[in-house]
Amino acid sequence: MKQGSTLFLRMAVFLIGTPVLSLGIFGLPWLANNPVNPDYAHILYPIVIGLYVSVIPFFVALYQAFKLLSYIDKNQAFSELSVNALKNIKFCAMTISGLFVVILPFVYLVAELDDAPGLIIIGMVPIFASMVIAVFAAVLQRLLQEAIDIKSENELTV
């Protein structure tokens, strides 16, 4: 397969990671140092820490996506390496969802103090988005594993 066939997807993965990296470098420290209401500063710290911790599995999942695209370029899409990459992406998405579930009570406290109930809905969006990604990766992992099993079964049949 041509190496340029996945170039668009590689650029998309890069463009997804760039705002998260810039938010982690510039946005979150600014938020921690300049809270809108200083009375909420003690509640914002666990949220900021949780966001920083969730960045780790996010970038691990992006790295696994890059590896998966390189396997596709090398005609190794139907291999155990691809299944492992999808399994790691699924695990990272579930980890991100779990971290945001832990962060959600603090978001609730901020919403309660600020009287902003919409903040809770906004806090739930990453939980559901990462769970959708985890389910999608699990389905792809299962389909790929079945395709590999059928392929190896056909290779044994001569």
C-alpha atoms as a PDB file:
ATOM      1  CA  MET A   1       0.000   0.000   0.000  1.00  0.00           C
ATOM      2  CA  LYS A   2       1.261   3.485  -0.729  1.00  0.00           C
ATOM      3  CA  GLN A   3       2.647   5.314   2.254  1.00  0.00           C
ATOM      4  CA  GLY A   4       0.754   8.468   1.345  1.00  0.00           C
ATOM      5  CA  SER A   5      -2.618   6.769   1.667  1.00  0.00           C
ATOM      6  CA  THR A   6      -2.656   7.335   5.415  1.00  0.00           C
ATOM      7  CA  LEU A   7      -1.061  10.773   5.300  1.00  0.00           C
ATOM      8  CA  PHE A   8      -4.390  12.516   5.820  1.00  0.00           C
ATOM      9  CA  LEU A   9      -5.125  10.396   8.889  1.00  0.00           C
ATOM     10  CA  ARG A  10      -1.659  11.039  10.292  1.00  0.00           C
ATOM     11  CA  MET A  11      -2.200  14.772   9.858  1.00  0.00           C
ATOM     12  CA  ALA A  12      -5.595  14.475  11.566  1.00  0.00           C
ATOM     13  CA  VAL A  13      -4.031  12.666  14.546  1.00  0.00           C
ATOM     14  CA  PHE A  14      -1.367  15.382  14.739  1.00  0.00           C
ATOM     15  CA  LEU A  15      -3.988  18.129  14.550  1.00  0.00           C
ATOM     16  CA  ILE A  16      -5.982  16.458  17.329  1.00  0.00           C
ATOM     17  CA  GLY A  17      -2.945  16.357  19.598  1.00  0.00           C
ATOM     18  CA  THR A  18      -1.750  19.913  18.999  1.00  0.00           C
ATOM     19  CA  PRO A  19      -4.567  21.781  20.821  1.00  0.00           C
ATOM     20  CA  VAL A  20      -4.425  19.359  23.742  1.00  0.00           C
ATOM     21  CA  LEU A  21      -0.685  19.902  24.059  1.00  0.00           C
ATOM     22  CA  SER A  22      -1.047  23.681  23.878  1.00  0.00           C
ATOM     23  CA  LEU A  23      -3.879  23.594  26.423  1.00  0.00           C
ATOM     24  CA  GLY A  24      -1.689  21.566  28.769  1.00  0.00           C
ATOM     25  CA  ILE A  25       1.260  23.902  28.366  1.00  0.00           C
ATOM     26  CA  PHE A  26      -0.521  27.273  28.347  1.00  0.00           C
ATOM     27  CA  GLY A  27      -4.208  26.970  29.277  1.00  0.00           C
ATOM     28  CA  LEU A  28      -4.266  24.833  32.392  1.00  0.00           C
ATOM     29  CA  PRO A  29      -1.436  26.654  34.216  1.00  0.00           C
ATOM     30  CA  TRP A  30      -3.130  29.948  33.421  1.00  0.00           C
ATOM     31  CA  LEU A  31      -6.447  28.622  34.769  1.00  0.00           C
ATOM     32  CA  ALA A  32      -4.800  27.390  37.959  1.00  0.00           C
ATOM     33  CA  ASN A  33      -3.031  30.729  38.530  1.00  0.00           C
ATOM     34  CA  ASN A  34      -5.972  32.963  37.506  1.00  0.00           C
ATOM     35  CA  PRO A  35      -9.269  31.441  38.662  1.00  0.00           C
ATOM     36  CA  VAL A  36     -12.361  33.432  37.717  1.00  0.00           C
ATOM     37  CA  ASN A  37     -13.464  33.462  41.330  1.00  0.00           C
ATOM     38  CA  PRO A  38     -10.692  33.049  43.930  1.00  0.00           C
ATOM     39  CA  ASP A  39     -13.178  31.330  46.237  1.00  0.00           C
ATOM     40  CA  TYR A  40     -13.236  28.373  43.812  1.00  0.00           C
ATOM     41  CA  ALA A  41      -9.455  28.012  43.516  1.00  0.00           C
ATOM     42  CA  HIS A  42      -9.251  25.119  45.973  1.00  0.00           C
ATOM     43  CA  ILE A  43     -11.840  23.196  43.927  1.00  0.00           C
ATOM     44  CA  LEU A  44     -10.111  23.898  40.594  1.00  0.00           C
ATOM     45  CA  TYR A  45      -6.842  22.250  41.618  1.00  0.00           C
ATOM     46  CA  PRO A  46      -8.198  18.654  41.596  1.00  0.00           C
ATOM     47  CA  ILE A  47      -9.849  19.363  38.228  1.00  0.00           C
ATOM     48  CA  VAL A  48      -6.596  20.683  36.736  1.00  0.00           C
ATOM     49  CA  ILE A  49      -4.625  17.747  38.163  1.00  0.00           C
ATOM     50  CA  GLY A  50      -7.176  15.319  36.726  1.00  0.00           C
ATOM     51  CA  LEU A  51      -6.934  16.984  33.332  1.00  0.00           C
ATOM     52  CA  TYR A  52      -3.144  16.729  33.405  1.00  0.00           C
ATOM     53  CA  VAL A  53      -3.325  13.035  34.326  1.00  0.00           C
ATOM     54  CA  SER A  54      -5.846  12.380  31.537  1.00  0.00           C
ATOM     55  CA  VAL A  55      -3.434  13.822  28.986  1.00  0.00           C
ATOM     56  CA  ILE A  56      -1.096  10.849  29.475  1.00  0.00           C
ATOM     57  CA  PRO A  57      -3.482   8.148  28.182  1.00  0.00           C
ATOM     58  CA  PHE A  58      -4.655  10.566  25.485  1.00  0.00           C
ATOM     59  CA  PHE A  59      -1.179  10.857  23.999  1.00  0.00           C
ATOM     60  CA  VAL A  60      -0.555   7.126  24.443  1.00  0.00           C
ATOM     61  CA  ALA A  61      -3.704   6.509  22.386  1.00  0.00           C
ATOM     62  CA  LEU A  62      -2.523   8.966  19.727  1.00  0.00           C
ATOM     63  CA  TYR A  63       0.823   7.174  19.585  1.00  0.00           C
ATOM     64  CA  GLN A  64      -0.989   3.848  19.186  1.00  0.00           C
ATOM     65  CA  ALA A  65      -3.027   5.382  16.353  1.00  0.00           C
ATOM     66  CA  PHE A  66       0.220   6.424  14.644  1.00  0.00           C
ATOM     67  CA  LYS A  67       1.553   2.876  15.067  1.00  0.00           C
ATOM     68  CA  LEU A  68      -1.673   1.460  13.627  1.00  0.00           C
ATOM     69  CA  LEU A  69      -1.372   3.733  10.597  1.00  0.00           C
ATOM     70  CA  SER A  70       2.231   2.666  10.096  1.00  0.00           C
ATOM     71  CA  TYR A  71       1.138  -0.995  10.199  1.00  0.00           C
ATOM     72  CA  ILE A  72      -1.423  -0.205   7.509  1.00  0.00           C
ATOM     73  CA  ASP A  73       1.309   1.425   5.400  1.00  0.00           C
ATOM     74  CA  LYS A  74       3.505  -1.670   5.781  1.00  0.00           C
ATOM     75  CA  ASN A  75       0.661  -4.030   4.778  1.00  0.00           C
ATOM     76  CA  GLN A  76       0.557  -5.433   8.300  1.00  0.00           C
ATOM     77  CA  ALA A  77      -2.994  -4.286   9.039  1.00  0.00           C
ATOM     78  CA  PHE A  78      -4.156  -7.861   9.613  1.00  0.00           C
ATOM     79  CA  SER A  79      -1.647  -8.752  12.295  1.00  0.00           C
ATOM     80  CA  GLU A  80      -1.495  -9.158  16.047  1.00  0.00           C
ATOM     81  CA  LEU A  81       0.350  -5.834  16.217  1.00  0.00           C
ATOM     82  CA  SER A  82      -2.754  -4.050  14.969  1.00  0.00           C
ATOM     83  CA  VAL A  83      -4.946  -5.927  17.429  1.00  0.00           C
ATOM     84  CA  ASN A  84      -2.619  -4.902  20.274  1.00  0.00           C
ATOM     85  CA  ALA A  85      -2.689  -1.258  19.145  1.00  0.00           C
ATOM     86  CA  LEU A  86      -6.502  -1.300  19.137  1.00  0.00           C
ATOM     87  CA  LYS A  87      -6.504  -2.968  22.554  1.00  0.00           C
ATOM     88  CA  ASN A  88      -4.236  -0.214  23.905  1.00  0.00           C
ATOM     89  CA  ILE A  89      -6.452   2.486  22.379  1.00  0.00           C
ATOM     90  CA  LYS A  90      -9.478   0.865  24.035  1.00  0.00           C
ATOM     91  CA  PHE A  91      -7.702   0.742  27.392  1.00  0.00           C
ATOM     92  CA  CYS A  92      -6.617   4.387  27.101  1.00  0.00           C
ATOM     93  CA  ALA A  93     -10.151   5.509  26.243  1.00  0.00           C
ATOM     94  CA  MET A  94     -11.568   3.634  29.230  1.00  0.00           C
ATOM     95  CA  THR A  95      -8.876   5.180  31.446  1.00  0.00           C
ATOM     96  CA  ILE A  96      -9.755   8.671  30.236  1.00  0.00           C
ATOM     97  CA  SER A  97     -13.417   7.998  30.905  1.00  0.00           C
ATOM     98  CA  GLY A  98     -12.626   6.763  34.399  1.00  0.00           C
ATOM     99  CA  LEU A  99     -10.494   9.804  35.146  1.00  0.00           C
ATOM    100  CA  PHE A 100     -13.280  12.139  34.068  1.00  0.00           C
ATOM    101  CA  VAL A 101     -15.721  10.225  36.274  1.00  0.00           C
ATOM    102  CA  VAL A 102     -13.360  10.968  39.177  1.00  0.00           C
ATOM    103  CA  ILE A 103     -13.190  14.651  38.161  1.00  0.00           C
ATOM    104  CA  LEU A 104     -16.985  15.003  37.827  1.00  0.00           C
ATOM    105  CA  PRO A 105     -17.760  15.511  41.565  1.00  0.00           C
ATOM    106  CA  PHE A 106     -15.401  18.490  41.616  1.00  0.00           C
ATOM    107  CA  VAL A 107     -17.095  19.876  38.516  1.00  0.00           C
ATOM    108  CA  TYR A 108     -20.380  19.412  40.382  1.00  0.00           C
ATOM    109  CA  LEU A 109     -19.030  21.443  43.317  1.00  0.00           C
ATOM    110  CA  VAL A 110     -17.976  24.267  41.007  1.00  0.00           C
ATOM    111  CA  ALA A 111     -21.353  24.161  39.257  1.00  0.00           C
ATOM    112  CA  GLU A 112     -23.137  24.227  42.608  1.00  0.00           C
ATOM    113  CA  LEU A 113     -21.138  27.200  43.883  1.00  0.00           C
ATOM    114  CA  ASP A 114     -21.463  29.092  40.619  1.00  0.00           C
ATOM    115  CA  ASP A 115     -25.093  28.049  40.040  1.00  0.00           C
ATOM    116  CA  ALA A 116     -24.270  26.718  36.566  1.00  0.00           C
ATOM    117  CA  PRO A 117     -26.045  23.384  36.000  1.00  0.00           C
ATOM    118  CA  GLY A 118     -24.914  23.245  32.365  1.00  0.00           C
ATOM    119  CA  LEU A 119     -21.358  22.755  33.579  1.00  0.00           C
ATOM    120  CA  ILE A 120     -22.251  19.231  34.713  1.00  0.00           C
ATOM    121  CA  ILE A 121     -23.467  18.330  31.216  1.00  0.00           C
ATOM    122  CA  ILE A 122     -20.273  19.760  29.738  1.00  0.00           C
ATOM    123  CA  GLY A 123     -18.301  17.690  32.266  1.00  0.00           C
ATOM    124  CA  MET A 124     -20.093  14.531  31.136  1.00  0.00           C
ATOM    125  CA  VAL A 125     -19.279  14.979  27.431  1.00  0.00           C
ATOM    126  CA  PRO A 126     -15.670  13.646  27.681  1.00  0.00           C
ATOM    127  CA  ILE A 127     -16.909  10.619  29.624  1.00  0.00           C
ATOM    128  CA  PHE A 128     -19.359   9.587  26.925  1.00  0.00           C
ATOM    129  CA  ALA A 129     -17.035  10.535  24.046  1.00  0.00           C
ATOM    130  CA  SER A 130     -14.211   8.391  25.382  1.00  0.00           C
ATOM    131  CA  MET A 131     -16.603   5.512  26.062  1.00  0.00           C
ATOM    132  CA  VAL A 132     -17.787   5.679  22.444  1.00  0.00           C
ATOM    133  CA  ILE A 133     -14.162   5.518  21.320  1.00  0.00           C
ATOM    134  CA  ALA A 134     -13.530   2.571  23.655  1.00  0.00           C
ATOM    135  CA  VAL A 135     -16.533   0.652  22.327  1.00  0.00           C
ATOM    136  CA  PHE A 136     -15.569   1.429  18.722  1.00  0.00           C
ATOM    137  CA  ALA A 137     -11.993   0.255  19.341  1.00  0.00           C
ATOM    138  CA  ALA A 138     -13.297  -2.908  21.020  1.00  0.00           C
ATOM    139  CA  VAL A 139     -15.532  -3.693  18.042  1.00  0.00           C
ATOM    140  CA  LEU A 140     -12.673  -3.082  15.599  1.00  0.00           C
ATOM    141  CA  GLN A 141     -10.355  -5.201  17.725  1.00  0.00           C
ATOM    142  CA  ARG A 142     -12.812  -8.095  17.711  1.00  0.00           C
ATOM    143  CA  LEU A 143     -13.448  -7.839  13.961  1.00  0.00           C
ATOM    144  CA  LEU A 144      -9.739  -7.656  13.229  1.00  0.00           C
ATOM    145  CA  GLN A 145      -9.035 -10.655  15.453  1.00  0.00           C
ATOM    146  CA  GLU A 146     -11.727 -12.670  13.663  1.00  0.00           C
ATOM    147  CA  ALA A 147     -10.308 -11.636  10.279  1.00  0.00           C
ATOM    148  CA  ILE A 148      -6.842 -12.750  11.397  1.00  0.00           C
ATOM    149  CA  ASP A 149      -8.256 -16.085  12.578  1.00  0.00           C
ATOM    150  CA  ILE A 150     -10.035 -16.633   9.248  1.00  0.00           C
ATOM    151  CA  LYS A 151      -6.889 -15.635   7.354  1.00  0.00           C
ATOM    152  CA  SER A 152      -4.711 -18.070   9.298  1.00  0.00           C
ATOM    153  CA  GLU A 153      -7.330 -20.807   8.882  1.00  0.00           C
ATOM    154  CA  ASN A 154      -7.366 -20.249   5.116  1.00  0.00           C
ATOM    155  CA  GLU A 155      -3.575 -20.350   4.961  1.00  0.00           C
ATOM    156  CA  LEU A 156      -3.616 -23.773   6.608  1.00  0.00           C
ATOM    157  CA  THR A 157      -6.146 -25.048   4.074  1.00  0.00           C
ATOM    158  CA  VAL A 158      -4.301 -25.932   0.900  1.00  0.00           C
END
